[in-house]
Amino acid sequence: MRVARYTTGQEPSYGIVQSDPDTMQSSWIAQIHGDPLYTPVAGTGNRVELEEVRLLAPVIPRSKIIGIGRNYAEHARELGHELPSEPLMFLVPNTAVIGPDDPVVIPPQTSECHYEGELAVVIGRMCKDVPAQQAASVIFGYTCANDVTARDLQRSDAQWARAKGFDTFCPLGPWIETDLDTTDLGIRTRVDGRTVQDGSTSAMIFDVADLVAYASSVFTLLPGDVILTGTPAGVGPVEAGQRVEVEIDGIGTLANPFVRR
């Protein structure tokens, strides 16, 4: 099931993205009542063509975004870092979240803004100290993320809050896929159509279940919390005027322009 948050110019709504049975291309959204993180999924009977809506970030975390650093060996090596012996966590404010096609604003404080395509995990219920073998029971679904990073500030700051937390630095979308095997998903990032990252979740040092278990051993996880699972090798700079796409098998493509203001 693909859960989208969208607007037609009115208040945001949630709906289930439906596909044409012949082409299997997503083509319309069946509206549902309320927020599926908190209420059972029930249709309103209304539907709207996908091309007629503006897709929004599929979730705005009410509590937190937990980032995971250096979770792909080749990415750690490309930045000259040792491999972590346990997940390396950082927090991102929910004010960093934007949706598909929203502009990422490169702030004046950085001259080295990087893209990082990632699989994002959306938590579905309150939980604490979840064993890895039970992680699936607390996951609502998965979406694409771009963990935008001011790389120069990341190097200069003792903490990563500033480098990772600027407004607009956490694009999410295009929707949440609730039924997905994450053991071997292709992750591709493109800048202006050129492929710059091409990896697989099979190369994660710590898999999704391990990350949920580890994060929940530290934090109480709440519905709508997001875990960013790390990025494959191939990160690099993006400039104002460029467009970055993050594509993940089984989910879809998240695209955002980059601007300076």
C-alpha atoms as a PDB file:
ATOM      1  CA  MET A   1       0.000   0.000   0.000  1.00  0.00           C
ATOM      2  CA  ARG A   2       1.290   3.431  -0.964  1.00  0.00           C
ATOM      3  CA  VAL A   3       0.160   6.194   1.377  1.00  0.00           C
ATOM      4  CA  ALA A   4       0.409   9.746   0.067  1.00  0.00           C
ATOM      5  CA  ARG A   5      -0.142  13.107   1.709  1.00  0.00           C
ATOM      6  CA  TYR A   6      -1.326  15.665  -0.812  1.00  0.00           C
ATOM      7  CA  THR A   7      -3.259  18.825  -1.490  1.00  0.00           C
ATOM      8  CA  THR A   8      -5.502  20.041  -4.272  1.00  0.00           C
ATOM      9  CA  GLY A   9      -5.233  23.597  -2.970  1.00  0.00           C
ATOM     10  CA  GLN A  10      -7.220  22.920   0.172  1.00  0.00           C
ATOM     11  CA  GLU A  11      -6.231  21.362   3.508  1.00  0.00           C
ATOM     12  CA  PRO A  12      -3.784  18.427   3.179  1.00  0.00           C
ATOM     13  CA  SER A  13      -5.369  14.988   2.812  1.00  0.00           C
ATOM     14  CA  TYR A  14      -4.134  11.413   2.907  1.00  0.00           C
ATOM     15  CA  GLY A  15      -4.869   8.800   0.313  1.00  0.00           C
ATOM     16  CA  ILE A  16      -3.865   5.465  -1.152  1.00  0.00           C
ATOM     17  CA  VAL A  17      -1.998   5.683  -4.452  1.00  0.00           C
ATOM     18  CA  GLN A  18      -3.599   3.385  -7.009  1.00  0.00           C
ATOM     19  CA  SER A  19      -2.047   1.955 -10.158  1.00  0.00           C
ATOM     20  CA  ASP A  20      -3.486   1.235 -13.563  1.00  0.00           C
ATOM     21  CA  PRO A  21      -3.716  -2.591 -13.771  1.00  0.00           C
ATOM     22  CA  ASP A  22      -2.493  -2.597 -17.371  1.00  0.00           C
ATOM     23  CA  THR A  23       0.516  -0.297 -17.080  1.00  0.00           C
ATOM     24  CA  MET A  24       1.112  -0.587 -13.306  1.00  0.00           C
ATOM     25  CA  GLN A  25       1.833   3.135 -13.349  1.00  0.00           C
ATOM     26  CA  SER A  26       0.521   5.174 -10.409  1.00  0.00           C
ATOM     27  CA  SER A  27      -2.390   7.175 -11.735  1.00  0.00           C
ATOM     28  CA  TRP A  28      -4.822   8.237  -9.012  1.00  0.00           C
ATOM     29  CA  ILE A  29      -5.272   8.633  -5.281  1.00  0.00           C
ATOM     30  CA  ALA A  30      -8.178   7.228  -3.279  1.00  0.00           C
ATOM     31  CA  GLN A  31      -8.779   9.627  -0.394  1.00  0.00           C
ATOM     32  CA  ILE A  32      -8.944   8.233   3.159  1.00  0.00           C
ATOM     33  CA  HIS A  33     -10.225   9.641   6.426  1.00  0.00           C
ATOM     34  CA  GLY A  34      -7.737  11.176   8.863  1.00  0.00           C
ATOM     35  CA  ASP A  35      -4.080  10.323   9.355  1.00  0.00           C
ATOM     36  CA  PRO A  36      -3.327   6.606   8.819  1.00  0.00           C
ATOM     37  CA  LEU A  37      -0.657   6.723  11.516  1.00  0.00           C
ATOM     38  CA  TYR A  38      -3.379   7.308  14.074  1.00  0.00           C
ATOM     39  CA  THR A  39      -6.656   6.077  12.581  1.00  0.00           C
ATOM     40  CA  PRO A  40      -7.639   2.910  10.670  1.00  0.00           C
ATOM     41  CA  VAL A  41      -7.503   3.270   6.905  1.00  0.00           C
ATOM     42  CA  ALA A  42     -11.022   3.942   5.610  1.00  0.00           C
ATOM     43  CA  GLY A  43     -11.870   5.395   2.236  1.00  0.00           C
ATOM     44  CA  THR A  44     -14.030   8.481   1.759  1.00  0.00           C
ATOM     45  CA  GLY A  45     -15.213   7.411  -1.671  1.00  0.00           C
ATOM     46  CA  ASN A  46     -13.420  10.343  -3.290  1.00  0.00           C
ATOM     47  CA  ARG A  47     -10.602   9.960  -5.773  1.00  0.00           C
ATOM     48  CA  VAL A  48      -8.376  12.395  -7.609  1.00  0.00           C
ATOM     49  CA  GLU A  49      -5.980  11.991 -10.505  1.00  0.00           C
ATOM     50  CA  LEU A  50      -2.358  11.964  -9.411  1.00  0.00           C
ATOM     51  CA  GLU A  51      -1.424  14.636 -11.935  1.00  0.00           C
ATOM     52  CA  GLU A  52      -3.998  16.981 -10.400  1.00  0.00           C
ATOM     53  CA  VAL A  53      -2.526  17.036  -6.886  1.00  0.00           C
ATOM     54  CA  ARG A  54       0.550  18.450  -5.253  1.00  0.00           C
ATOM     55  CA  LEU A  55       2.308  15.731  -3.278  1.00  0.00           C
ATOM     56  CA  LEU A  56       3.489  16.813   0.163  1.00  0.00           C
ATOM     57  CA  ALA A  57       6.018  15.253   2.501  1.00  0.00           C
ATOM     58  CA  PRO A  58       4.261  11.973   3.364  1.00  0.00           C
ATOM     59  CA  VAL A  59       5.002  12.474   7.060  1.00  0.00           C
ATOM     60  CA  ILE A  60       5.979  15.407   9.261  1.00  0.00           C
ATOM     61  CA  PRO A  61       7.544  13.813  12.354  1.00  0.00           C
ATOM     62  CA  ARG A  62       5.868  15.117  15.498  1.00  0.00           C
ATOM     63  CA  SER A  63       8.864  14.041  17.546  1.00  0.00           C
ATOM     64  CA  LYS A  64      12.153  13.416  15.734  1.00  0.00           C
ATOM     65  CA  ILE A  65      14.199  12.345  12.763  1.00  0.00           C
ATOM     66  CA  ILE A  66      17.067  10.013  13.627  1.00  0.00           C
ATOM     67  CA  GLY A  67      19.916  10.056  11.142  1.00  0.00           C
ATOM     68  CA  ILE A  68      22.415   7.234  10.805  1.00  0.00           C
ATOM     69  CA  GLY A  69      25.927   8.110   9.675  1.00  0.00           C
ATOM     70  CA  ARG A  70      28.474   5.958   7.851  1.00  0.00           C
ATOM     71  CA  ASN A  71      26.192   2.957   7.404  1.00  0.00           C
ATOM     72  CA  TYR A  72      27.713   1.964   4.048  1.00  0.00           C
ATOM     73  CA  ALA A  73      31.370   0.952   4.096  1.00  0.00           C
ATOM     74  CA  GLU A  74      32.272   2.556   0.770  1.00  0.00           C
ATOM     75  CA  HIS A  75      30.684   5.858   1.813  1.00  0.00           C
ATOM     76  CA  ALA A  76      32.661   5.862   5.063  1.00  0.00           C
ATOM     77  CA  ARG A  77      35.847   5.191   3.120  1.00  0.00           C
ATOM     78  CA  GLU A  78      35.198   7.892   0.517  1.00  0.00           C
ATOM     79  CA  LEU A  79      35.114  10.456   3.330  1.00  0.00           C
ATOM     80  CA  GLY A  80      38.158   8.955   5.038  1.00  0.00           C
ATOM     81  CA  HIS A  81      36.323   7.594   8.090  1.00  0.00           C
ATOM     82  CA  GLU A  82      36.676   4.385  10.050  1.00  0.00           C
ATOM     83  CA  LEU A  83      33.760   1.969   9.976  1.00  0.00           C
ATOM     84  CA  PRO A  84      31.528   2.363  13.037  1.00  0.00           C
ATOM     85  CA  SER A  85      31.306  -0.502  15.522  1.00  0.00           C
ATOM     86  CA  GLU A  86      27.717   0.496  16.344  1.00  0.00           C
ATOM     87  CA  PRO A  87      25.207   2.783  14.604  1.00  0.00           C
ATOM     88  CA  LEU A  88      26.270   6.428  14.588  1.00  0.00           C
ATOM     89  CA  MET A  89      23.160   8.484  15.346  1.00  0.00           C
ATOM     90  CA  PHE A  90      22.318  12.167  15.048  1.00  0.00           C
ATOM     91  CA  LEU A  91      19.066  14.128  15.285  1.00  0.00           C
ATOM     92  CA  VAL A  92      17.474  16.311  12.605  1.00  0.00           C
ATOM     93  CA  PRO A  93      14.687  18.803  13.453  1.00  0.00           C
ATOM     94  CA  ASN A  94      11.310  18.269  11.833  1.00  0.00           C
ATOM     95  CA  THR A  95      11.531  21.809  10.420  1.00  0.00           C
ATOM     96  CA  ALA A  96      14.055  20.414   7.924  1.00  0.00           C
ATOM     97  CA  VAL A  97      11.360  18.289   6.243  1.00  0.00           C
ATOM     98  CA  ILE A  98       9.992  19.229   2.828  1.00  0.00           C
ATOM     99  CA  GLY A  99       8.157  17.238   0.167  1.00  0.00           C
ATOM    100  CA  PRO A 100       8.546  16.325  -3.500  1.00  0.00           C
ATOM    101  CA  ASP A 101       9.451  19.217  -5.803  1.00  0.00           C
ATOM    102  CA  ASP A 102       9.873  21.629  -2.888  1.00  0.00           C
ATOM    103  CA  PRO A 103      13.111  23.622  -3.229  1.00  0.00           C
ATOM    104  CA  VAL A 104      16.084  22.858  -1.016  1.00  0.00           C
ATOM    105  CA  VAL A 105      17.466  26.232   0.040  1.00  0.00           C
ATOM    106  CA  ILE A 106      21.268  26.295   0.247  1.00  0.00           C
ATOM    107  CA  PRO A 107      22.054  28.658   3.134  1.00  0.00           C
ATOM    108  CA  PRO A 108      24.781  31.330   3.012  1.00  0.00           C
ATOM    109  CA  GLN A 109      26.716  29.583   5.807  1.00  0.00           C
ATOM    110  CA  THR A 110      27.889  26.784   3.498  1.00  0.00           C
ATOM    111  CA  SER A 111      29.873  26.610   0.270  1.00  0.00           C
ATOM    112  CA  GLU A 112      29.807  22.796   0.090  1.00  0.00           C
ATOM    113  CA  CYS A 113      26.273  21.441   0.024  1.00  0.00           C
ATOM    114  CA  HIS A 114      26.030  17.685  -0.671  1.00  0.00           C
ATOM    115  CA  TYR A 115      23.198  15.321  -1.642  1.00  0.00           C
ATOM    116  CA  GLU A 116      22.775  11.968   0.160  1.00  0.00           C
ATOM    117  CA  GLY A 117      20.122   9.586  -1.179  1.00  0.00           C
ATOM    118  CA  GLU A 118      18.741   7.304   1.539  1.00  0.00           C
ATOM    119  CA  LEU A 119      16.026   4.861   2.505  1.00  0.00           C
ATOM    120  CA  ALA A 120      13.860   6.316   5.294  1.00  0.00           C
ATOM    121  CA  VAL A 121      11.929   4.207   7.813  1.00  0.00           C
ATOM    122  CA  VAL A 122       8.649   5.580   9.209  1.00  0.00           C
ATOM    123  CA  ILE A 123       7.713   4.317  12.669  1.00  0.00           C
ATOM    124  CA  GLY A 124       4.076   3.292  13.131  1.00  0.00           C
ATOM    125  CA  ARG A 125       3.559   3.032  16.884  1.00  0.00           C
ATOM    126  CA  MET A 126       5.080   4.038  20.196  1.00  0.00           C
ATOM    127  CA  CYS A 127       7.799   1.613  21.180  1.00  0.00           C
ATOM    128  CA  LYS A 128      10.905   1.205  23.314  1.00  0.00           C
ATOM    129  CA  ASP A 129      13.623  -1.460  23.460  1.00  0.00           C
ATOM    130  CA  VAL A 130      12.353  -3.298  20.394  1.00  0.00           C
ATOM    131  CA  PRO A 131      14.233  -6.558  19.643  1.00  0.00           C
ATOM    132  CA  ALA A 132      15.568  -6.650  16.082  1.00  0.00           C
ATOM    133  CA  GLN A 133      13.417  -9.680  15.265  1.00  0.00           C
ATOM    134  CA  GLN A 134      10.297  -7.674  16.154  1.00  0.00           C
ATOM    135  CA  ALA A 135      11.258  -4.461  14.341  1.00  0.00           C
ATOM    136  CA  ALA A 136       8.822  -5.049  11.479  1.00  0.00           C
ATOM    137  CA  SER A 137       5.896  -4.856  13.919  1.00  0.00           C
ATOM    138  CA  VAL A 138       6.616  -1.189  14.738  1.00  0.00           C
ATOM    139  CA  ILE A 139       7.368   0.016  11.193  1.00  0.00           C
ATOM    140  CA  PHE A 140       4.596   1.779   9.287  1.00  0.00           C
ATOM    141  CA  GLY A 141       6.501   1.929   6.020  1.00  0.00           C
ATOM    142  CA  TYR A 142       9.334   3.348   3.960  1.00  0.00           C
ATOM    143  CA  THR A 143      10.010   6.386   1.801  1.00  0.00           C
ATOM    144  CA  CYS A 144      12.850   8.093  -0.065  1.00  0.00           C
ATOM    145  CA  ALA A 145      14.987  10.725   1.624  1.00  0.00           C
ATOM    146  CA  ASN A 146      17.704  13.157   0.692  1.00  0.00           C
ATOM    147  CA  ASP A 147      19.837  13.767   3.786  1.00  0.00           C
ATOM    148  CA  VAL A 148      21.215  17.094   2.549  1.00  0.00           C
ATOM    149  CA  THR A 149      24.476  17.987   4.267  1.00  0.00           C
ATOM    150  CA  ALA A 150      26.587  21.112   4.553  1.00  0.00           C
ATOM    151  CA  ARG A 151      29.810  19.121   4.326  1.00  0.00           C
ATOM    152  CA  ASP A 152      32.125  21.974   5.292  1.00  0.00           C
ATOM    153  CA  LEU A 153      30.095  22.629   8.443  1.00  0.00           C
ATOM    154  CA  GLN A 154      29.994  18.928   9.221  1.00  0.00           C
ATOM    155  CA  ARG A 155      33.790  18.923   9.226  1.00  0.00           C
ATOM    156  CA  SER A 156      34.086  22.068  11.332  1.00  0.00           C
ATOM    157  CA  ASP A 157      31.377  21.431  13.934  1.00  0.00           C
ATOM    158  CA  ALA A 158      31.712  18.998  16.830  1.00  0.00           C
ATOM    159  CA  GLN A 159      28.029  18.106  16.408  1.00  0.00           C
ATOM    160  CA  TRP A 160      26.143  17.621  13.127  1.00  0.00           C
ATOM    161  CA  ALA A 161      22.970  19.493  14.094  1.00  0.00           C
ATOM    162  CA  ARG A 162      23.793  22.541  11.995  1.00  0.00           C
ATOM    163  CA  ALA A 163      25.239  20.692   9.005  1.00  0.00           C
ATOM    164  CA  LYS A 164      22.214  18.401   8.746  1.00  0.00           C
ATOM    165  CA  GLY A 165      19.441  20.513  10.218  1.00  0.00           C
ATOM    166  CA  PHE A 166      18.920  23.623   8.111  1.00  0.00           C
ATOM    167  CA  ASP A 167      15.353  24.280   7.000  1.00  0.00           C
ATOM    168  CA  THR A 168      14.581  22.253   3.823  1.00  0.00           C
ATOM    169  CA  PHE A 169      17.529  19.865   4.349  1.00  0.00           C
ATOM    170  CA  CYS A 170      15.389  16.724   4.694  1.00  0.00           C
ATOM    171  CA  PRO A 171      13.245  16.080   1.609  1.00  0.00           C
ATOM    172  CA  LEU A 172      10.950  13.042   2.015  1.00  0.00           C
ATOM    173  CA  GLY A 173       8.637  11.343  -0.496  1.00  0.00           C
ATOM    174  CA  PRO A 174       6.980  10.801  -2.809  1.00  0.00           C
ATOM    175  CA  TRP A 175       4.824   8.554  -0.558  1.00  0.00           C
ATOM    176  CA  ILE A 176       5.142   5.816   2.061  1.00  0.00           C
ATOM    177  CA  GLU A 177       5.291   2.227   0.866  1.00  0.00           C
ATOM    178  CA  THR A 178       3.999  -0.035   3.651  1.00  0.00           C
ATOM    179  CA  ASP A 179       4.833  -3.433   2.137  1.00  0.00           C
ATOM    180  CA  LEU A 180       8.495  -3.722   1.232  1.00  0.00           C
ATOM    181  CA  ASP A 181      11.399  -6.134   1.625  1.00  0.00           C
ATOM    182  CA  THR A 182      14.370  -3.871   2.394  1.00  0.00           C
ATOM    183  CA  THR A 183      17.129  -6.496   2.225  1.00  0.00           C
ATOM    184  CA  ASP A 184      18.272  -5.634  -1.316  1.00  0.00           C
ATOM    185  CA  LEU A 185      16.763  -2.421  -2.656  1.00  0.00           C
ATOM    186  CA  GLY A 186      18.546  -0.411  -5.313  1.00  0.00           C
ATOM    187  CA  ILE A 187      19.164   3.227  -4.361  1.00  0.00           C
ATOM    188  CA  ARG A 188      20.074   5.640  -7.134  1.00  0.00           C
ATOM    189  CA  THR A 189      20.684   9.367  -6.946  1.00  0.00           C
ATOM    190  CA  ARG A 190      20.791  11.582 -10.020  1.00  0.00           C
ATOM    191  CA  VAL A 191      21.866  15.203 -10.396  1.00  0.00           C
ATOM    192  CA  ASP A 192      20.338  16.819 -13.481  1.00  0.00           C
ATOM    193  CA  GLY A 193      19.721  13.326 -14.847  1.00  0.00           C
ATOM    194  CA  ARG A 194      23.277  12.068 -14.300  1.00  0.00           C
ATOM    195  CA  THR A 195      23.576   9.060 -11.981  1.00  0.00           C
ATOM    196  CA  VAL A 196      25.920   9.872  -9.100  1.00  0.00           C
ATOM    197  CA  GLN A 197      24.959   7.165  -6.574  1.00  0.00           C
ATOM    198  CA  ASP A 198      24.050   3.585  -7.427  1.00  0.00           C
ATOM    199  CA  GLY A 199      23.952   1.295  -4.399  1.00  0.00           C
ATOM    200  CA  SER A 200      21.865  -1.285  -2.588  1.00  0.00           C
ATOM    201  CA  THR A 201      20.529  -1.629   0.930  1.00  0.00           C
ATOM    202  CA  SER A 202      22.215  -5.041   0.970  1.00  0.00           C
ATOM    203  CA  ALA A 203      25.472  -3.134   1.584  1.00  0.00           C
ATOM    204  CA  MET A 204      24.266  -1.570   4.835  1.00  0.00           C
ATOM    205  CA  ILE A 205      26.543  -2.252   7.783  1.00  0.00           C
ATOM    206  CA  PHE A 206      23.491  -2.267  10.070  1.00  0.00           C
ATOM    207  CA  ASP A 207      20.201  -3.308   8.478  1.00  0.00           C
ATOM    208  CA  VAL A 208      16.780  -1.795   9.106  1.00  0.00           C
ATOM    209  CA  ALA A 209      15.916  -4.159  11.952  1.00  0.00           C
ATOM    210  CA  ASP A 210      19.229  -3.473  13.679  1.00  0.00           C
ATOM    211  CA  LEU A 211      18.702   0.279  13.375  1.00  0.00           C
ATOM    212  CA  VAL A 212      15.192   0.181  14.824  1.00  0.00           C
ATOM    213  CA  ALA A 213      16.426  -1.953  17.717  1.00  0.00           C
ATOM    214  CA  TYR A 214      19.391   0.306  18.396  1.00  0.00           C
ATOM    215  CA  ALA A 215      17.477   3.588  18.123  1.00  0.00           C
ATOM    216  CA  SER A 216      14.676   2.300  20.343  1.00  0.00           C
ATOM    217  CA  SER A 217      17.210   1.278  22.980  1.00  0.00           C
ATOM    218  CA  VAL A 218      18.067   4.972  23.323  1.00  0.00           C
ATOM    219  CA  PHE A 219      14.861   6.837  22.432  1.00  0.00           C
ATOM    220  CA  THR A 220      11.197   6.064  22.843  1.00  0.00           C
ATOM    221  CA  LEU A 221      10.041   5.983  19.227  1.00  0.00           C
ATOM    222  CA  LEU A 222       6.708   7.624  18.428  1.00  0.00           C
ATOM    223  CA  PRO A 223       4.341   7.269  15.463  1.00  0.00           C
ATOM    224  CA  GLY A 224       5.718   9.271  12.565  1.00  0.00           C
ATOM    225  CA  ASP A 225       9.316   9.263  13.757  1.00  0.00           C
ATOM    226  CA  VAL A 226      11.709   8.767  10.846  1.00  0.00           C
ATOM    227  CA  ILE A 227      14.993   6.882  10.745  1.00  0.00           C
ATOM    228  CA  LEU A 228      17.356   7.819   7.898  1.00  0.00           C
ATOM    229  CA  THR A 229      19.341   4.656   7.233  1.00  0.00           C
ATOM    230  CA  GLY A 230      22.515   6.083   5.695  1.00  0.00           C
ATOM    231  CA  THR A 231      23.747   6.739   2.180  1.00  0.00           C
ATOM    232  CA  PRO A 232      25.746   4.687  -0.334  1.00  0.00           C
ATOM    233  CA  ALA A 233      29.020   5.892  -1.814  1.00  0.00           C
ATOM    234  CA  GLY A 234      29.015   8.652  -4.395  1.00  0.00           C
ATOM    235  CA  VAL A 235      28.021  11.708  -2.395  1.00  0.00           C
ATOM    236  CA  GLY A 236      29.042  15.037  -3.821  1.00  0.00           C
ATOM    237  CA  PRO A 237      28.239  18.723  -4.223  1.00  0.00           C
ATOM    238  CA  VAL A 238      25.061  20.180  -5.624  1.00  0.00           C
ATOM    239  CA  GLU A 239      24.683  23.765  -6.742  1.00  0.00           C
ATOM    240  CA  ALA A 240      21.782  26.176  -6.979  1.00  0.00           C
ATOM    241  CA  GLY A 241      19.856  25.547 -10.173  1.00  0.00           C
ATOM    242  CA  GLN A 242      20.421  21.800 -10.126  1.00  0.00           C
ATOM    243  CA  ARG A 243      17.799  19.116  -9.519  1.00  0.00           C
ATOM    244  CA  VAL A 244      18.416  15.996  -7.443  1.00  0.00           C
ATOM    245  CA  GLU A 245      16.411  12.779  -7.760  1.00  0.00           C
ATOM    246  CA  VAL A 246      16.517   9.897  -5.274  1.00  0.00           C
ATOM    247  CA  GLU A 247      15.039   6.679  -6.652  1.00  0.00           C
ATOM    248  CA  ILE A 248      14.529   3.545  -4.547  1.00  0.00           C
ATOM    249  CA  ASP A 249      13.250   0.251  -5.920  1.00  0.00           C
ATOM    250  CA  GLY A 250       9.731  -0.541  -4.790  1.00  0.00           C
ATOM    251  CA  ILE A 251       9.028   3.031  -3.675  1.00  0.00           C
ATOM    252  CA  GLY A 252       9.538   5.562  -6.451  1.00  0.00           C
ATOM    253  CA  THR A 253      11.423   8.790  -7.057  1.00  0.00           C
ATOM    254  CA  LEU A 254      11.826  11.892  -4.895  1.00  0.00           C
ATOM    255  CA  ALA A 255      12.961  14.981  -6.818  1.00  0.00           C
ATOM    256  CA  ASN A 256      13.862  18.453  -5.551  1.00  0.00           C
ATOM    257  CA  PRO A 257      15.424  21.573  -7.070  1.00  0.00           C
ATOM    258  CA  PHE A 258      18.201  23.371  -5.193  1.00  0.00           C
ATOM    259  CA  VAL A 259      18.177  27.165  -4.883  1.00  0.00           C
ATOM    260  CA  ARG A 260      19.895  30.010  -3.043  1.00  0.00           C
ATOM    261  CA  ARG A 261      17.947  32.900  -1.565  1.00  0.00           C
END
